[in-house]
C-alpha atoms as a PDB file:
ATOM      1  CA  MET A   1      19.107  27.174  19.865  1.00  0.00           C
ATOM      2  CA  THR A   2      21.456  24.797  17.964  1.00  0.00           C
ATOM      3  CA  ILE A   3      20.262  21.077  17.524  1.00  0.00           C
ATOM      4  CA  THR A   4      22.586  18.480  16.934  1.00  0.00           C
ATOM      5  CA  ILE A   5      21.269  15.461  14.685  1.00  0.00           C
ATOM      6  CA  ILE A   6      22.905  12.209  15.446  1.00  0.00           C
ATOM      7  CA  ILE A   7      22.846   9.296  13.122  1.00  0.00           C
ATOM      8  CA  PRO A   8      24.514   5.716  14.030  1.00  0.00           C
ATOM      9  CA  ILE A   9      25.328   3.671  11.009  1.00  0.00           C
ATOM     10  CA  LYS A  10      26.966   0.352  10.625  1.00  0.00           C
ATOM     11  CA  PRO A  11      30.617   0.506   8.892  1.00  0.00           C
ATOM     12  CA  GLY A  12      30.320   1.338   5.159  1.00  0.00           C
ATOM     13  CA  LEU A  13      26.813   2.188   5.303  1.00  0.00           C
ATOM     14  CA  GLU A  14      25.495   5.505   3.732  1.00  0.00           C
ATOM     15  CA  PRO A  15      22.327   6.720   5.640  1.00  0.00           C
ATOM     16  CA  THR A  16      19.301   7.667   3.863  1.00  0.00           C
ATOM     17  CA  ALA A  17      18.221  10.074   6.216  1.00  0.00           C
ATOM     18  CA  VAL A  18      21.194  12.340   5.122  1.00  0.00           C
ATOM     19  CA  GLN A  19      19.894  12.495   1.807  1.00  0.00           C
ATOM     20  CA  ARG A  20      16.437  13.490   3.240  1.00  0.00           C
ATOM     21  CA  LEU A  21      17.962  16.280   5.415  1.00  0.00           C
ATOM     22  CA  ALA A  22      19.882  17.529   2.077  1.00  0.00           C
ATOM     23  CA  THR A  23      16.637  18.402   0.414  1.00  0.00           C
ATOM     24  CA  LEU A  24      15.146  20.480   3.311  1.00  0.00           C
ATOM     25  CA  ASP A  25      15.667  24.171   3.410  1.00  0.00           C
ATOM     26  CA  TRP A  26      17.166  24.066   6.898  1.00  0.00           C
ATOM     27  CA  PRO A  27      19.391  27.070   8.090  1.00  0.00           C
ATOM     28  CA  ARG A  28      22.797  25.549   8.801  1.00  0.00           C
ATOM     29  CA  GLU A  29      23.560  27.698  11.767  1.00  0.00           C
ATOM     30  CA  GLN A  30      20.308  26.183  13.371  1.00  0.00           C
ATOM     31  CA  PHE A  31      21.782  22.396  13.323  1.00  0.00           C
ATOM     32  CA  GLU A  32      24.954  20.335  12.821  1.00  0.00           C
ATOM     33  CA  LEU A  33      24.768  16.694  11.674  1.00  0.00           C
ATOM     34  CA  LEU A  34      26.944  14.061  13.169  1.00  0.00           C
ATOM     35  CA  VAL A  35      27.337  10.433  11.902  1.00  0.00           C
ATOM     36  CA  ALA A  36      28.526   7.843  14.229  1.00  0.00           C
ATOM     37  CA  GLU A  37      29.882   4.778  12.434  1.00  0.00           C
ATOM     38  CA  GLY A  38      30.354   1.652  14.707  1.00  0.00           C
ATOM     39  CA  THR A  39      28.714  -1.614  15.622  1.00  0.00           C
ATOM     40  CA  CYS A  40      27.104  -0.852  18.986  1.00  0.00           C
ATOM     41  CA  PRO A  41      24.271   2.018  18.574  1.00  0.00           C
ATOM     42  CA  SER A  42      24.153   2.639  22.245  1.00  0.00           C
ATOM     43  CA  ARG A  43      27.876   3.363  22.132  1.00  0.00           C
ATOM     44  CA  GLN A  44      27.805   5.186  19.026  1.00  0.00           C
ATOM     45  CA  ARG A  45      25.054   7.705  20.092  1.00  0.00           C
ATOM     46  CA  ASN A  46      26.953   8.280  23.561  1.00  0.00           C
ATOM     47  CA  ARG A  47      30.091   9.216  21.905  1.00  0.00           C
ATOM     48  CA  ALA A  48      28.574  11.442  19.250  1.00  0.00           C
ATOM     49  CA  VAL A  49      26.786  13.283  22.279  1.00  0.00           C
ATOM     50  CA  GLN A  50      29.987  13.950  23.830  1.00  0.00           C
ATOM     51  CA  GLU A  51      31.228  15.517  20.647  1.00  0.00           C
ATOM     52  CA  ALA A  52      27.854  17.457  19.747  1.00  0.00           C
ATOM     53  CA  ARG A  53      27.816  21.328  19.876  1.00  0.00           C
ATOM     54  CA  GLY A  54      23.828  21.786  20.026  1.00  0.00           C
ATOM     55  CA  GLU A  55      21.976  22.287  23.174  1.00  0.00           C
ATOM     56  CA  ILE A  56      19.355  19.859  21.801  1.00  0.00           C
ATOM     57  CA  ILE A  57      20.250  16.176  20.666  1.00  0.00           C
ATOM     58  CA  TYR A  58      17.936  14.794  17.875  1.00  0.00           C
ATOM     59  CA  PHE A  59      18.510  11.049  17.108  1.00  0.00           C
ATOM     60  CA  LEU A  60      17.482   9.249  13.928  1.00  0.00           C
ATOM     61  CA  ASP A  61      18.036   6.109  12.611  1.00  0.00           C
ATOM     62  CA  ASP A  62      19.976   5.586   9.018  1.00  0.00           C
ATOM     63  CA  ASP A  63      16.557   5.339   7.265  1.00  0.00           C
ATOM     64  CA  SER A  64      14.377   7.935   9.225  1.00  0.00           C
ATOM     65  CA  LEU A  65      12.775  10.374   6.895  1.00  0.00           C
ATOM     66  CA  VAL A  66      12.314  13.390   9.006  1.00  0.00           C
ATOM     67  CA  ALA A  67       9.506  15.865   9.057  1.00  0.00           C
ATOM     68  CA  ALA A  68      10.087  19.136   7.130  1.00  0.00           C
ATOM     69  CA  ASP A  69       9.364  21.293  10.331  1.00  0.00           C
ATOM     70  CA  ALA A  70      10.924  19.119  12.670  1.00  0.00           C
ATOM     71  CA  LEU A  71      13.643  21.682  13.988  1.00  0.00           C
ATOM     72  CA  GLN A  72      10.873  24.457  14.481  1.00  0.00           C
ATOM     73  CA  ARG A  73       8.692  22.002  16.448  1.00  0.00           C
ATOM     74  CA  LEU A  74      11.650  20.765  18.730  1.00  0.00           C
ATOM     75  CA  GLU A  75      12.595  24.556  19.213  1.00  0.00           C
ATOM     76  CA  HIS A  76       9.217  25.409  20.473  1.00  0.00           C
ATOM     77  CA  HIS A  77       8.800  22.162  22.773  1.00  0.00           C
ATOM     78  CA  PHE A  78      12.491  22.944  24.400  1.00  0.00           C
ATOM     79  CA  ASP A  79      11.529  26.293  25.206  1.00  0.00           C
ATOM     80  CA  ASP A  80      10.177  25.034  28.276  1.00  0.00           C
ATOM     81  CA  PRO A  81      13.217  24.265  30.640  1.00  0.00           C
ATOM     82  CA  GLN A  82      11.447  21.247  32.200  1.00  0.00           C
ATOM     83  CA  VAL A  83      11.331  19.274  28.872  1.00  0.00           C
ATOM     84  CA  ALA A  84      14.012  16.666  28.820  1.00  0.00           C
ATOM     85  CA  ALA A  85      12.962  14.617  25.750  1.00  0.00           C
ATOM     86  CA  VAL A  86      10.478  14.925  22.776  1.00  0.00           C
ATOM     87  CA  GLY A  87       9.645  12.345  20.214  1.00  0.00           C
ATOM     88  CA  GLY A  88       7.208  11.460  17.691  1.00  0.00           C
ATOM     89  CA  PRO A  89       6.096   8.162  15.864  1.00  0.00           C
ATOM     90  CA  SER A  90       7.791   6.248  13.188  1.00  0.00           C
ATOM     91  CA  LEU A  91       5.174   5.785  10.264  1.00  0.00           C
ATOM     92  CA  THR A  92       5.314   2.942   7.698  1.00  0.00           C
ATOM     93  CA  PRO A  93       5.287   4.737   4.171  1.00  0.00           C
ATOM     94  CA  ALA A  94       2.387   4.313   1.935  1.00  0.00           C
ATOM     95  CA  GLY A  95       4.875   3.012  -0.848  1.00  0.00           C
ATOM     96  CA  ASP A  96       6.052  -0.209   1.392  1.00  0.00           C
ATOM     97  CA  GLY A  97       5.112  -3.674   0.011  1.00  0.00           C
ATOM     98  CA  LEU A  98       1.734  -5.490   0.962  1.00  0.00           C
ATOM     99  CA  LEU A  99       3.868  -7.234   3.932  1.00  0.00           C
ATOM    100  CA  GLN A 100       5.620  -4.381   5.182  1.00  0.00           C
ATOM    101  CA  ARG A 101       2.422  -2.419   5.488  1.00  0.00           C
ATOM    102  CA  ALA A 102       0.963  -5.531   7.311  1.00  0.00           C
ATOM    103  CA  PHE A 103       3.676  -5.356   9.757  1.00  0.00           C
ATOM    104  CA  GLY A 104       3.145  -1.697  10.139  1.00  0.00           C
ATOM    105  CA  THR A 105      -0.737  -2.283  10.936  1.00  0.00           C
ATOM    106  CA  ILE A 106       0.518  -4.945  13.540  1.00  0.00           C
ATOM    107  CA  PHE A 107       2.619  -2.240  15.290  1.00  0.00           C
ATOM    108  CA  SER A 108       0.089   0.317  15.230  1.00  0.00           C
ATOM    109  CA  SER A 109      -3.107  -1.795  16.558  1.00  0.00           C
ATOM    110  CA  LEU A 110      -3.966  -2.257  20.051  1.00  0.00           C
ATOM    111  CA  LEU A 111      -4.115  -5.970  19.651  1.00  0.00           C
ATOM    112  CA  GLY A 112      -0.653  -6.097  18.070  1.00  0.00           C
ATOM    113  CA  ALA A 113       1.254  -3.737  20.297  1.00  0.00           C
ATOM    114  CA  GLY A 114      -0.850  -2.688  23.159  1.00  0.00           C
ATOM    115  CA  GLY A 115       0.513   0.283  25.067  1.00  0.00           C
ATOM    116  CA  VAL A 116       3.467   1.186  22.705  1.00  0.00           C
ATOM    117  CA  ARG A 117       1.251   1.500  19.552  1.00  0.00           C
ATOM    118  CA  ASN A 118       1.481   5.315  19.591  1.00  0.00           C
ATOM    119  CA  ARG A 119       5.138   4.839  18.530  1.00  0.00           C
ATOM    120  CA  TYR A 120       3.853   3.886  15.395  1.00  0.00           C
ATOM    121  CA  ARG A 121       0.469   5.911  14.554  1.00  0.00           C
ATOM    122  CA  ALA A 122       0.049   9.766  14.600  1.00  0.00           C
ATOM    123  CA  VAL A 123      -3.040  10.376  16.704  1.00  0.00           C
ATOM    124  CA  GLY A 124      -3.986  13.130  19.244  1.00  0.00           C
ATOM    125  CA  GLU A 125      -2.062  16.221  20.297  1.00  0.00           C
ATOM    126  CA  VAL A 126       1.010  16.976  21.859  1.00  0.00           C
ATOM    127  CA  ARG A 127       1.032  15.582  25.412  1.00  0.00           C
ATOM    128  CA  ARG A 128       2.970  14.737  28.165  1.00  0.00           C
ATOM    129  CA  THR A 129       4.058  10.974  28.252  1.00  0.00           C
ATOM    130  CA  THR A 130       6.173   8.103  29.357  1.00  0.00           C
ATOM    131  CA  GLU A 131       8.680   5.987  27.517  1.00  0.00           C
ATOM    132  CA  ARG A 132       5.924   3.623  26.039  1.00  0.00           C
ATOM    133  CA  GLU A 133       5.106   6.500  23.473  1.00  0.00           C
ATOM    134  CA  LEU A 134       8.607   7.172  22.606  1.00  0.00           C
ATOM    135  CA  ILE A 135      11.051   5.568  20.063  1.00  0.00           C
ATOM    136  CA  LEU A 136      14.738   6.239  19.468  1.00  0.00           C
ATOM    137  CA  CYS A 137      14.412   6.592  15.736  1.00  0.00           C
ATOM    138  CA  ASN A 138      12.806   9.713  16.283  1.00  0.00           C
ATOM    139  CA  LEU A 139      13.918  11.094  19.800  1.00  0.00           C
ATOM    140  CA  ALA A 140      15.283  14.459  20.964  1.00  0.00           C
ATOM    141  CA  PHE A 141      16.895  15.101  24.220  1.00  0.00           C
ATOM    142  CA  ARG A 142      18.213  18.135  26.062  1.00  0.00           C
ATOM    143  CA  ARG A 143      22.090  17.579  25.956  1.00  0.00           C
ATOM    144  CA  ASP A 144      22.589  18.772  29.391  1.00  0.00           C
ATOM    145  CA  ALA A 145      19.636  16.171  30.987  1.00  0.00           C
ATOM    146  CA  PHE A 146      21.236  13.371  28.605  1.00  0.00           C
ATOM    147  CA  LEU A 147      24.787  14.079  30.065  1.00  0.00           C
ATOM    148  CA  LYS A 148      23.607  14.423  33.713  1.00  0.00           C
ATOM    149  CA  GLU A 149      21.950  11.020  33.583  1.00  0.00           C
ATOM    150  CA  GLY A 150      25.005   9.410  32.230  1.00  0.00           C
ATOM    151  CA  GLY A 151      23.649   8.753  28.762  1.00  0.00           C
ATOM    152  CA  LEU A 152      22.387   5.481  27.483  1.00  0.00           C
ATOM    153  CA  ASP A 153      23.301   2.286  29.305  1.00  0.00           C
ATOM    154  CA  GLU A 154      25.587   0.513  26.823  1.00  0.00           C
ATOM    155  CA  ARG A 155      24.608  -2.825  28.228  1.00  0.00           C
ATOM    156  CA  LEU A 156      21.254  -2.474  26.354  1.00  0.00           C
ATOM    157  CA  TYR A 157      20.047  -2.675  22.792  1.00  0.00           C
ATOM    158  CA  PRO A 158      17.456  -2.368  22.283  1.00  0.00           C
ATOM    159  CA  ASN A 159      15.299  -0.430  24.949  1.00  0.00           C
ATOM    160  CA  GLU A 160      18.404   1.836  25.795  1.00  0.00           C
ATOM    161  CA  GLU A 161      16.325   4.761  25.393  1.00  0.00           C
ATOM    162  CA  ASN A 162      13.321   3.479  27.229  1.00  0.00           C
ATOM    163  CA  GLU A 163      15.757   2.987  30.402  1.00  0.00           C
ATOM    164  CA  LEU A 164      17.150   6.558  30.233  1.00  0.00           C
ATOM    165  CA  LEU A 165      13.712   8.162  29.614  1.00  0.00           C
ATOM    166  CA  ASP A 166      12.450   6.100  32.830  1.00  0.00           C
ATOM    167  CA  ARG A 167      15.423   7.786  34.631  1.00  0.00           C
ATOM    168  CA  LEU A 168      14.611  11.351  33.503  1.00  0.00           C
ATOM    169  CA  SER A 169      11.069  10.900  34.423  1.00  0.00           C
ATOM    170  CA  LYS A 170      11.863   9.831  37.871  1.00  0.00           C
ATOM    171  CA  GLN A 171      13.999  13.151  38.203  1.00  0.00           C
ATOM    172  CA  GLY A 172      10.425  15.076  37.593  1.00  0.00           C
ATOM    173  CA  LEU A 173      11.408  16.231  34.138  1.00  0.00           C
ATOM    174  CA  VAL A 174       8.779  16.245  31.362  1.00  0.00           C
ATOM    175  CA  LEU A 175       8.824  13.967  28.102  1.00  0.00           C
ATOM    176  CA  LEU A 176       6.623  15.000  25.317  1.00  0.00           C
ATOM    177  CA  HIS A 177       5.047  13.174  22.490  1.00  0.00           C
ATOM    178  CA  ASP A 178       4.200  15.109  19.320  1.00  0.00           C
ATOM    179  CA  PRO A 179       2.259  13.115  16.738  1.00  0.00           C
ATOM    180  CA  ARG A 180       3.232  15.722  14.023  1.00  0.00           C
ATOM    181  CA  LEU A 181       7.016  15.192  14.643  1.00  0.00           C
ATOM    182  CA  ALA A 182       6.873  11.951  12.661  1.00  0.00           C
ATOM    183  CA  VAL A 183       9.275  10.108  10.382  1.00  0.00           C
ATOM    184  CA  TYR A 184       8.578   7.531   8.060  1.00  0.00           C
ATOM    185  CA  ARG A 185      10.697   4.195   8.107  1.00  0.00           C
ATOM    186  CA  SER A 186      10.056   1.058   6.094  1.00  0.00           C
ATOM    187  CA  GLN A 187       9.147  -1.995   7.713  1.00  0.00           C
ATOM    188  CA  ARG A 188      11.207  -5.272   7.865  1.00  0.00           C
ATOM    189  CA  PRO A 189      11.073  -7.024   4.144  1.00  0.00           C
ATOM    190  CA  THR A 190      10.319 -10.473   5.151  1.00  0.00           C
ATOM    191  CA  VAL A 191       8.224 -12.383   7.870  1.00  0.00           C
ATOM    192  CA  THR A 192      11.857 -13.967   9.374  1.00  0.00           C
ATOM    193  CA  ALA A 193      13.087 -10.103   9.845  1.00  0.00           C
ATOM    194  CA  PHE A 194       9.720  -9.241  11.295  1.00  0.00           C
ATOM    195  CA  ALA A 195       9.983 -12.279  13.816  1.00  0.00           C
ATOM    196  CA  LYS A 196      13.733 -11.427  14.666  1.00  0.00           C
ATOM    197  CA  GLN A 197      12.781  -7.834  15.162  1.00  0.00           C
ATOM    198  CA  LEU A 198       9.915  -8.704  17.666  1.00  0.00           C
ATOM    199  CA  PHE A 199      12.343 -11.158  19.609  1.00  0.00           C
ATOM    200  CA  ARG A 200      14.743  -8.605  20.002  1.00  0.00           C
ATOM    201  CA  TYR A 201      12.173  -6.182  21.298  1.00  0.00           C
ATOM    202  CA  GLY A 202      11.224  -8.723  23.944  1.00  0.00           C
ATOM    203  CA  LYS A 203      14.606  -9.597  24.904  1.00  0.00           C
ATOM    204  CA  GLY A 204      15.669  -5.944  25.287  1.00  0.00           C
ATOM    205  CA  ARG A 205      12.347  -5.306  27.583  1.00  0.00           C
ATOM    206  CA  ALA A 206      13.548  -8.371  29.597  1.00  0.00           C
ATOM    207  CA  GLU A 207      16.821  -6.973  29.983  1.00  0.00           C
ATOM    208  CA  GLN A 208      15.767  -3.360  30.569  1.00  0.00           C
ATOM    209  CA  THR A 209      13.676  -4.704  33.272  1.00  0.00           C
ATOM    210  CA  LYS A 210      16.689  -6.569  35.120  1.00  0.00           C
ATOM    211  CA  ILE A 211      18.597  -3.120  35.341  1.00  0.00           C
ATOM    212  CA  ALA A 212      15.603  -0.828  36.297  1.00  0.00           C
ATOM    213  CA  GLY A 213      12.876  -2.801  37.548  1.00  0.00           C
ATOM    214  CA  PHE A 214       9.359  -3.525  36.666  1.00  0.00           C
ATOM    215  CA  SER A 215       7.417  -0.671  35.226  1.00  0.00           C
ATOM    216  CA  GLY A 216       3.978  -2.430  34.755  1.00  0.00           C
ATOM    217  CA  LEU A 217       2.889  -5.782  33.683  1.00  0.00           C
ATOM    218  CA  MET A 218       1.476  -4.886  30.152  1.00  0.00           C
ATOM    219  CA  PRO A 219       4.896  -5.407  28.237  1.00  0.00           C
ATOM    220  CA  PHE A 220       4.848  -9.026  29.751  1.00  0.00           C
ATOM    221  CA  VAL A 221       1.421 -10.208  28.203  1.00  0.00           C
ATOM    222  CA  PRO A 222       3.234 -11.944  25.369  1.00  0.00           C
ATOM    223  CA  LEU A 223       5.310 -13.826  27.883  1.00  0.00           C
ATOM    224  CA  VAL A 224       1.984 -15.057  29.719  1.00  0.00           C
ATOM    225  CA  PHE A 225       0.765 -15.913  26.525  1.00  0.00           C
ATOM    226  CA  LEU A 226       3.819 -17.884  25.344  1.00  0.00           C
ATOM    227  CA  LEU A 227       3.819 -19.779  28.679  1.00  0.00           C
ATOM    228  CA  TYR A 228       0.212 -20.658  28.298  1.00  0.00           C
ATOM    229  CA  LEU A 229       0.596 -22.020  25.008  1.00  0.00           C
ATOM    230  CA  LEU A 230       3.329 -24.262  26.230  1.00  0.00           C
ATOM    231  CA  SER A 231       1.234 -25.692  29.008  1.00  0.00           C
ATOM    232  CA  LEU A 232      -1.792 -26.690  26.731  1.00  0.00           C
ATOM    233  CA  PRO A 233      -0.338 -30.112  25.735  1.00  0.00           C
ATOM    234  CA  LEU A 234       0.103 -30.660  29.569  1.00  0.00           C
ATOM    235  CA  VAL A 235      -3.468 -29.851  30.573  1.00  0.00           C
ATOM    236  CA  SER A 236      -6.206 -32.046  29.555  1.00  0.00           C
ATOM    237  CA  CYS A 237      -9.094 -29.848  30.924  1.00  0.00           C
ATOM    238  CA  ARG A 238     -11.200 -28.692  27.925  1.00  0.00           C
ATOM    239  CA  LEU A 239     -11.633 -25.286  29.793  1.00  0.00           C
ATOM    240  CA  TRP A 240      -8.130 -24.575  29.725  1.00  0.00           C
ATOM    241  CA  TYR A 241      -8.616 -23.816  26.023  1.00  0.00           C
ATOM    242  CA  ALA A 242     -11.141 -21.129  26.600  1.00  0.00           C
ATOM    243  CA  PRO A 243      -8.615 -18.446  26.755  1.00  0.00           C
ATOM    244  CA  LEU A 244      -7.179 -19.883  23.376  1.00  0.00           C
ATOM    245  CA  ALA A 245     -10.566 -19.545  21.682  1.00  0.00           C
ATOM    246  CA  LEU A 246     -11.105 -16.116  22.771  1.00  0.00           C
ATOM    247  CA  TYR A 247      -7.558 -15.003  21.726  1.00  0.00           C
ATOM    248  CA  LEU A 248      -8.138 -16.457  18.357  1.00  0.00           C
ATOM    249  CA  LEU A 249     -11.690 -14.808  18.128  1.00  0.00           C
ATOM    250  CA  ALA A 250     -10.164 -11.310  18.793  1.00  0.00           C
ATOM    251  CA  VAL A 251      -7.516 -12.114  16.318  1.00  0.00           C
ATOM    252  CA  CYS A 252     -10.362 -12.693  13.799  1.00  0.00           C
ATOM    253  CA  LEU A 253     -12.527  -9.928  14.620  1.00  0.00           C
ATOM    254  CA  CYS A 254      -9.310  -7.568  14.675  1.00  0.00           C
ATOM    255  CA  SER A 255      -8.321  -8.529  11.278  1.00  0.00           C
ATOM    256  CA  ILE A 256     -11.864  -8.332   9.739  1.00  0.00           C
ATOM    257  CA  LYS A 257     -11.920  -4.831  10.994  1.00  0.00           C
ATOM    258  CA  THR A 258      -8.525  -3.639   9.879  1.00  0.00           C
ATOM    259  CA  THR A 259      -9.166  -5.193   6.335  1.00  0.00           C
ATOM    260  CA  PHE A 260     -12.425  -3.176   6.006  1.00  0.00           C
ATOM    261  CA  GLN A 261     -10.760   0.011   7.412  1.00  0.00           C
ATOM    262  CA  LEU A 262      -7.496  -0.080   5.034  1.00  0.00           C
ATOM    263  CA  HIS A 263      -9.552  -1.521   2.097  1.00  0.00           C
ATOM    264  CA  THR A 264      -6.878  -4.177   1.688  1.00  0.00           C
ATOM    265  CA  ALA A 265      -8.440  -7.615   1.275  1.00  0.00           C
ATOM    266  CA  ALA A 266      -5.180  -9.535   1.331  1.00  0.00           C
ATOM    267  CA  PHE A 267      -4.816  -8.481   5.080  1.00  0.00           C
ATOM    268  CA  LEU A 268      -7.676 -10.680   5.927  1.00  0.00           C
ATOM    269  CA  LEU A 269      -5.255 -13.507   5.220  1.00  0.00           C
ATOM    270  CA  LEU A 270      -2.187 -11.973   6.555  1.00  0.00           C
ATOM    271  CA  LEU A 271      -3.116 -10.656   9.669  1.00  0.00           C
ATOM    272  CA  PRO A 272      -4.695 -13.756  11.226  1.00  0.00           C
ATOM    273  CA  LEU A 273      -1.016 -15.277  10.950  1.00  0.00           C
ATOM    274  CA  LEU A 274       0.862 -12.202  11.731  1.00  0.00           C
ATOM    275  CA  PHE A 275      -0.674 -11.400  15.280  1.00  0.00           C
ATOM    276  CA  PRO A 276       0.178 -14.673  16.572  1.00  0.00           C
ATOM    277  CA  LEU A 277       3.555 -14.792  15.271  1.00  0.00           C
ATOM    278  CA  ALA A 278       4.254 -11.122  16.744  1.00  0.00           C
ATOM    279  CA  HIS A 279       3.044 -12.131  20.018  1.00  0.00           C
ATOM    280  CA  ILE A 280       4.988 -15.422  20.194  1.00  0.00           C
ATOM    281  CA  ALA A 281       8.060 -13.981  18.970  1.00  0.00           C
ATOM    282  CA  ASN A 282       7.938 -11.264  21.667  1.00  0.00           C
ATOM    283  CA  GLY A 283       7.209 -13.723  24.260  1.00  0.00           C
ATOM    284  CA  PHE A 284       9.898 -16.255  23.257  1.00  0.00           C
ATOM    285  CA  GLY A 285      12.279 -12.791  23.403  1.00  0.00           C
ATOM    286  CA  LEU A 286      11.160 -11.942  26.967  1.00  0.00           C
ATOM    287  CA  LEU A 287      11.623 -15.475  28.253  1.00  0.00           C
ATOM    288  CA  VAL A 288      15.302 -15.686  26.772  1.00  0.00           C
ATOM    289  CA  GLY A 289      16.056 -12.160  28.005  1.00  0.00           C
ATOM    290  CA  PHE A 290      14.851 -13.144  31.614  1.00  0.00           C
ATOM    291  CA  LEU A 291      16.598 -16.541  31.729  1.00  0.00           C
ATOM    292  CA  LEU A 292      20.018 -15.622  30.222  1.00  0.00           C
ATOM    293  CA  PRO A 293      22.385 -13.605  32.316  1.00  0.00           C
ATOM    294  CA  LEU A 294      22.745  -9.683  31.247  1.00  0.00           C
ATOM    295  CA  ALA A 295      25.634  -9.597  28.456  1.00  0.00           C
ATOM    296  CA  THR A 296      27.993  -7.117  30.308  1.00  0.00           C
ATOM    297  CA  GLN A 297      30.264  -7.249  27.188  1.00  0.00           C
ATOM    298  CA  THR A 298      27.712  -5.642  24.680  1.00  0.00           C
ATOM    299  CA  CYS A 299      29.532  -2.670  23.895  1.00  0.00           C
ATOM    300  CA  TYR A 300      33.013  -2.579  25.828  1.00  0.00           C
ATOM    301  CA  ASN A 301      34.716  -5.108  23.644  1.00  0.00           C
ATOM    302  CA  GLN A 302      33.615  -3.579  20.268  1.00  0.00           C
ATOM    303  CA  PRO A 303      35.938  -1.592  17.970  1.00  0.00           C
ATOM    304  CA  SER A 304      36.118   2.319  18.430  1.00  0.00           C
ATOM    305  CA  VAL A 305      33.437   4.742  17.140  1.00  0.00           C
ATOM    306  CA  THR A 306      34.111   6.979  14.213  1.00  0.00           C
ATOM    307  CA  ILE A 307      32.242  10.442  14.186  1.00  0.00           C
ATOM    308  CA  ARG A 308      31.977  12.778  11.309  1.00  0.00           C
ATOM    309  CA  ARG A 309      30.334  15.975  10.640  1.00  0.00           C
ATOM    310  CA  CYS A 310      28.373  16.142   7.465  1.00  0.00           C
END
């Protein structure tokens, strides 16, 4: 079984993931590495898959530091012909700065990320899953299944993998989450970048919903929260503030618990600010994504993609 690793990059960028792969003792006959250079990740990945020789496509981001036994784990999982996709978590490196580790804590917590938190923490055993636990910076597809479904919808970025995974699942194919198939990726370096990331995630989820329909209510809780906050100046009833009080209590309790669990005193100051920021930014992204028309020109007017084998 041959595996094609595909890494999309921006023009002129040298991906850290390639340096990591070069240090691993992987037989060259078992994998090939394609770097897709361009300005639209969905299109870059689709074009690279068309040129891939492998039966399995393994998508990494340019900064994904892959597990040493990733090839063996993927080969084992894809021995089952019903398996169409396999992925694992994206973990925060221990060497990240304090602020970055706080962002990683938000993503991996129930309060911070809800049903998608397992994308950012390694828990449990290998299991059948849905798109809620899989993330494109560490995700493999059976090439035939990928192509049969038409690949990634190039109108979407992010959330393009979630929409494709939903299509595969509806065909009765199996999606697997392997907690030990983990990559390490540094979190955003600033609060502004973190807020923009959450905004894009919300906007992408709204656009995915426009294309594929609703797949549950949990992803839209931040939007409900945002609309509730916007309503506060318009309602004079004191009881209307009760949900806000409960929310702030939950934030404080979660922040205290996490601070003691991770033995990081600074989190007691950071997390009570970052939890609301994450929820508001994500909710605002959802709102914008639903209000604005779907951008049909996302990838179609971009320059061509350059594929190179490494």
